[in-house]
N, C-alpha and C. Protein backbone atom coordinates (compact mmCIF):
# COMPACT_ATOMS: atom_id res chain seq x y z
N UNK A 1 -2.81 -5.49 6.07
CA UNK A 1 -2.80 -5.98 7.36
C UNK A 1 -1.64 -5.09 8.10
N UNK A 2 -2.07 -4.55 9.20
CA UNK A 2 -1.14 -3.60 9.92
C UNK A 2 -0.70 -4.12 11.18
N UNK A 3 0.31 -3.77 11.93
CA UNK A 3 0.81 -4.15 13.23
C UNK A 3 0.18 -3.11 14.09
N UNK A 4 -0.43 -3.47 15.21
CA UNK A 4 -1.27 -2.70 15.98
C UNK A 4 -0.70 -2.35 17.45
N UNK A 5 0.27 -3.04 17.82
CA UNK A 5 0.86 -2.85 19.27
C UNK A 5 2.26 -2.24 19.03
N UNK A 6 2.44 -1.20 18.32
CA UNK A 6 3.86 -0.57 18.32
C UNK A 6 3.99 0.35 19.41
N UNK A 7 5.33 0.36 20.05
CA UNK A 7 5.59 1.40 21.01
C UNK A 7 6.06 2.60 20.41
N UNK A 8 5.38 3.63 20.67
CA UNK A 8 5.75 4.96 20.12
C UNK A 8 7.15 5.53 20.44
N UNK A 9 7.73 5.01 21.52
CA UNK A 9 9.11 5.44 21.96
C UNK A 9 10.02 4.69 21.34
N UNK A 10 9.88 3.78 20.49
CA UNK A 10 10.86 2.92 19.84
C UNK A 10 11.45 3.71 18.68
N UNK A 11 12.73 3.68 18.78
CA UNK A 11 13.60 4.32 17.76
C UNK A 11 13.73 3.52 16.43
N UNK A 12 13.20 2.29 16.27
CA UNK A 12 13.35 1.53 15.10
C UNK A 12 12.21 1.92 14.10
N UNK A 13 11.36 2.77 14.51
CA UNK A 13 10.18 3.22 13.49
C UNK A 13 10.32 4.65 13.20
N UNK A 14 9.84 4.96 11.98
CA UNK A 14 9.69 6.27 11.52
C UNK A 14 8.36 6.62 11.35
N UNK A 15 7.83 7.78 12.08
CA UNK A 15 6.41 8.23 12.05
C UNK A 15 6.29 9.46 11.29
N UNK A 16 5.37 9.46 10.43
CA UNK A 16 5.18 10.49 9.52
C UNK A 16 3.62 10.71 9.30
N UNK A 17 3.29 11.88 8.70
CA UNK A 17 1.98 12.26 8.35
C UNK A 17 1.58 11.55 7.04
N UNK A 18 0.41 11.55 6.61
CA UNK A 18 -0.20 10.89 5.41
C UNK A 18 0.41 11.37 4.18
N UNK A 19 0.83 12.59 4.05
CA UNK A 19 1.41 13.06 2.78
C UNK A 19 2.91 12.60 2.55
N UNK A 20 3.61 12.61 3.60
CA UNK A 20 5.05 11.99 3.38
C UNK A 20 4.84 10.47 3.35
N UNK A 21 3.86 9.84 3.98
CA UNK A 21 3.62 8.43 4.06
C UNK A 21 3.21 7.91 2.63
N UNK A 22 2.38 8.65 1.90
CA UNK A 22 2.07 8.30 0.47
C UNK A 22 3.28 8.29 -0.40
N UNK A 23 4.14 9.26 -0.22
CA UNK A 23 5.40 9.52 -1.02
C UNK A 23 6.31 8.26 -0.77
N UNK A 24 6.43 7.98 0.54
CA UNK A 24 7.32 6.72 0.74
C UNK A 24 6.69 5.50 0.20
N UNK A 25 5.36 5.36 0.32
CA UNK A 25 4.72 4.18 -0.11
C UNK A 25 4.89 4.00 -1.69
N UNK A 26 4.78 5.21 -2.35
CA UNK A 26 5.00 5.12 -3.83
C UNK A 26 6.39 4.85 -4.03
N UNK A 27 7.29 5.09 -3.23
CA UNK A 27 8.86 4.75 -3.37
C UNK A 27 9.12 3.29 -3.23
N UNK A 28 8.02 2.58 -2.60
CA UNK A 28 8.12 1.12 -2.43
C UNK A 28 8.46 0.62 -0.97
N UNK A 29 8.26 1.71 -0.03
CA UNK A 29 8.53 1.19 1.36
C UNK A 29 7.12 0.77 1.95
N UNK A 30 7.10 -0.40 2.69
CA UNK A 30 5.94 -0.89 3.16
C UNK A 30 5.54 -0.27 4.47
N UNK A 31 4.13 0.06 4.56
CA UNK A 31 3.71 0.56 5.91
C UNK A 31 3.56 -0.51 6.83
N UNK A 32 4.10 -0.16 8.07
CA UNK A 32 4.04 -1.21 9.27
C UNK A 32 2.75 -1.10 9.82
N UNK A 33 2.38 0.21 10.05
CA UNK A 33 1.15 0.46 10.79
C UNK A 33 0.44 1.80 10.42
N UNK A 34 -0.75 2.09 10.84
CA UNK A 34 -1.43 3.33 10.56
C UNK A 34 -2.23 3.57 11.66
N UNK A 35 -2.04 4.87 12.30
CA UNK A 35 -2.91 5.27 13.47
C UNK A 35 -3.46 6.72 13.14
N UNK A 36 -4.73 6.76 12.70
CA UNK A 36 -5.41 7.90 12.24
C UNK A 36 -4.71 8.35 11.01
N UNK A 37 -4.18 9.62 11.11
CA UNK A 37 -3.28 10.13 9.86
C UNK A 37 -1.84 9.80 10.01
N UNK A 38 -1.49 9.15 10.96
CA UNK A 38 -0.05 8.92 11.33
C UNK A 38 0.39 7.55 10.63
N UNK A 39 1.43 7.43 9.81
CA UNK A 39 1.84 6.29 9.17
C UNK A 39 3.15 5.86 9.73
N UNK A 40 3.43 4.59 9.99
CA UNK A 40 4.73 4.10 10.57
C UNK A 40 5.43 3.19 9.64
N UNK A 41 6.63 3.53 9.51
CA UNK A 41 7.60 2.74 8.60
C UNK A 41 8.74 2.18 9.40
N UNK A 42 9.34 1.11 8.97
CA UNK A 42 10.56 0.71 9.77
C UNK A 42 11.71 1.44 9.21
N UNK A 43 12.58 2.02 10.26
CA UNK A 43 13.77 2.69 9.86
C UNK A 43 14.93 1.83 9.16
N UNK A 44 15.23 2.20 8.02
CA UNK A 44 16.36 1.51 7.24
C UNK A 44 17.19 2.59 6.69
N UNK A 45 18.30 2.14 6.12
CA UNK A 45 19.29 3.07 5.47
C UNK A 45 18.53 3.59 4.21
N UNK A 46 17.89 2.72 3.52
CA UNK A 46 17.24 3.12 2.27
C UNK A 46 16.09 4.16 2.64
N UNK A 47 15.34 3.99 3.66
CA UNK A 47 14.34 4.80 4.09
C UNK A 47 14.90 6.18 4.40
N UNK A 48 16.13 6.29 5.15
CA UNK A 48 16.86 7.57 5.41
C UNK A 48 17.29 8.13 4.26
N UNK A 49 17.72 7.56 3.16
CA UNK A 49 18.07 8.07 1.96
C UNK A 49 16.94 8.77 1.14
N UNK A 50 15.72 8.10 1.19
CA UNK A 50 14.66 8.46 0.56
C UNK A 50 14.05 9.69 1.14
N UNK A 51 14.22 9.86 2.62
CA UNK A 51 13.74 10.92 3.31
C UNK A 51 14.64 12.26 3.05
N UNK A 52 15.86 11.97 2.99
CA UNK A 52 16.84 13.25 2.65
C UNK A 52 16.75 13.61 1.23
N UNK A 53 16.25 12.78 0.38
CA UNK A 53 16.19 13.12 -1.12
C UNK A 53 14.77 13.49 -1.53
N UNK A 54 13.94 13.72 -0.56
CA UNK A 54 12.58 13.87 -0.92
C UNK A 54 12.52 15.39 -1.51
N UNK A 55 11.61 15.70 -2.40
CA UNK A 55 11.44 17.12 -3.03
C UNK A 55 10.92 18.07 -1.84
N UNK A 56 11.31 19.31 -2.14
CA UNK A 56 11.00 20.26 -1.19
C UNK A 56 9.51 20.38 -0.87
N UNK A 57 8.68 20.31 -1.76
CA UNK A 57 7.25 20.50 -1.66
C UNK A 57 6.66 19.49 -0.62
N UNK A 58 7.31 18.19 -0.64
CA UNK A 58 6.88 17.17 0.39
C UNK A 58 7.55 17.33 1.62
N UNK A 59 8.72 17.89 1.75
CA UNK A 59 9.37 18.12 2.99
C UNK A 59 8.71 19.25 3.71
N UNK A 60 8.12 20.02 3.11
CA UNK A 60 7.27 21.27 3.49
C UNK A 60 6.19 20.72 4.49
N UNK A 61 5.59 19.51 4.02
CA UNK A 61 4.43 18.83 4.79
C UNK A 61 4.83 18.26 6.10
N UNK A 62 6.15 17.93 6.24
CA UNK A 62 6.76 17.43 7.38
C UNK A 62 6.55 18.40 8.57
N UNK A 63 6.93 19.66 8.34
CA UNK A 63 6.73 20.67 9.45
C UNK A 63 5.23 20.98 9.65
N UNK A 64 4.49 21.11 8.51
CA UNK A 64 3.10 21.57 8.75
C UNK A 64 2.19 20.49 9.29
N UNK A 65 2.53 19.14 9.01
CA UNK A 65 1.72 18.24 9.52
C UNK A 65 1.89 17.62 11.08
N UNK A 66 2.95 18.35 11.58
CA UNK A 66 3.24 17.84 13.08
C UNK A 66 2.21 18.59 13.93
N UNK A 67 1.96 17.74 15.10
CA UNK A 67 0.93 18.28 16.02
C UNK A 67 1.67 18.96 17.10
């Protein structure tokens, strides 16, 4: 079950593509919502640590997946 009425301008959420989203999901972070290939997570300190410690090959998808 996903939350469907999230405001995209809200800074409490982290938006990412499906490659980074799958990595974060495997790390144990719950997905709040999904919009096409865009996954939305709640911004927390633990999430920020996971993002900064991501392997290079996954960080590479962050720039490639942006529209």
